[in-house]
Amino acid sequence: MSSWDVWPVGVEWDEFLFLHVARCQRCADSFASSRSGEVDDWADTHHCDPEMAALLSLVDVRRAA
């Protein structure tokens, strides 16, 4: 099971950039660092921009239709 299945923010290792990357599914915000602890901290404390999340949700619904 991937972290994407449980939480809106997933943390992954980018083998091309050699960085840990956290990405939010709701607002598309992201954070990257060579230190996994920094990325985990960002993921744990991330709060979505409500306007961006609503806009992206609207675009995603229209694309599915």
Protein backbone atom coordinates (compact mmCIF):
# COMPACT_ATOMS: atom_id res chain seq x y z
CA MET A 1 0.00 0.00 0.00
CA SER A 2 1.34 3.37 -0.96
CA SER A 3 1.14 6.47 1.25
CA TRP A 4 -1.05 7.98 -1.50
CA ASP A 5 -3.82 5.50 -0.59
CA VAL A 6 -4.09 6.78 2.99
CA TRP A 7 -2.94 10.41 3.18
CA PRO A 8 -3.28 13.37 0.81
CA VAL A 9 0.48 14.03 1.06
CA GLY A 10 2.74 11.30 -0.26
CA VAL A 11 6.48 11.04 0.30
CA GLU A 12 8.66 9.40 -2.33
CA TRP A 13 12.33 9.06 -3.28
CA ASP A 14 13.10 10.61 -6.67
CA GLU A 15 15.87 8.48 -8.16
CA PHE A 16 16.54 10.99 -10.95
CA LEU A 17 16.98 14.01 -8.67
CA PHE A 18 18.31 12.03 -5.68
CA LEU A 19 15.85 13.83 -3.41
CA HIS A 20 13.02 12.93 -1.09
CA VAL A 21 9.85 14.58 -2.40
CA ALA A 22 6.51 15.22 -0.70
CA ARG A 23 3.51 16.08 -2.87
CA CYS A 24 -0.02 17.00 -1.87
CA GLN A 25 -2.80 15.46 -3.98
CA ARG A 26 -5.31 18.15 -3.02
CA CYS A 27 -3.46 21.41 -3.73
CA ALA A 28 -0.43 20.19 -5.76
CA ASP A 29 2.03 21.80 -3.33
CA SER A 30 5.35 20.00 -2.97
CA PHE A 31 8.58 20.03 -1.03
CA ALA A 32 11.92 18.36 -1.81
CA SER A 33 15.06 17.83 0.22
CA SER A 34 18.01 15.49 0.47
CA ARG A 35 17.00 14.97 4.12
CA SER A 36 14.10 12.61 4.63
CA GLY A 37 13.32 14.09 8.06
CA GLU A 38 12.71 17.54 6.57
CA VAL A 39 10.34 16.09 3.97
CA ASP A 40 8.49 14.04 6.58
CA ASP A 41 8.12 17.12 8.80
CA TRP A 42 6.76 19.15 5.89
CA ALA A 43 4.30 16.39 5.02
CA ASP A 44 3.13 16.12 8.63
CA THR A 45 2.52 19.86 9.00
CA HIS A 46 1.30 20.73 5.48
CA HIS A 47 -1.97 22.65 5.24
CA CYS A 48 -3.56 23.07 1.83
CA ASP A 49 -4.37 26.43 0.34
CA PRO A 50 -8.18 26.09 0.32
CA GLU A 51 -8.64 28.17 -2.84
CA MET A 52 -6.08 26.15 -4.80
CA ALA A 53 -7.53 22.84 -3.58
CA ALA A 54 -11.04 23.93 -4.61
CA LEU A 55 -9.85 25.10 -8.03
CA LEU A 56 -7.95 21.89 -8.72
CA SER A 57 -10.91 19.82 -7.57
CA LEU A 58 -13.16 21.69 -10.00
CA VAL A 59 -10.74 21.16 -12.90
CA ASP A 60 -10.41 17.46 -12.06
CA VAL A 61 -14.21 16.98 -12.00
CA ARG A 62 -14.58 18.70 -15.37
CA ARG A 63 -11.83 16.54 -16.88
CA ALA A 64 -13.59 13.36 -15.69
CA ALA A 65 -16.88 14.43 -17.27
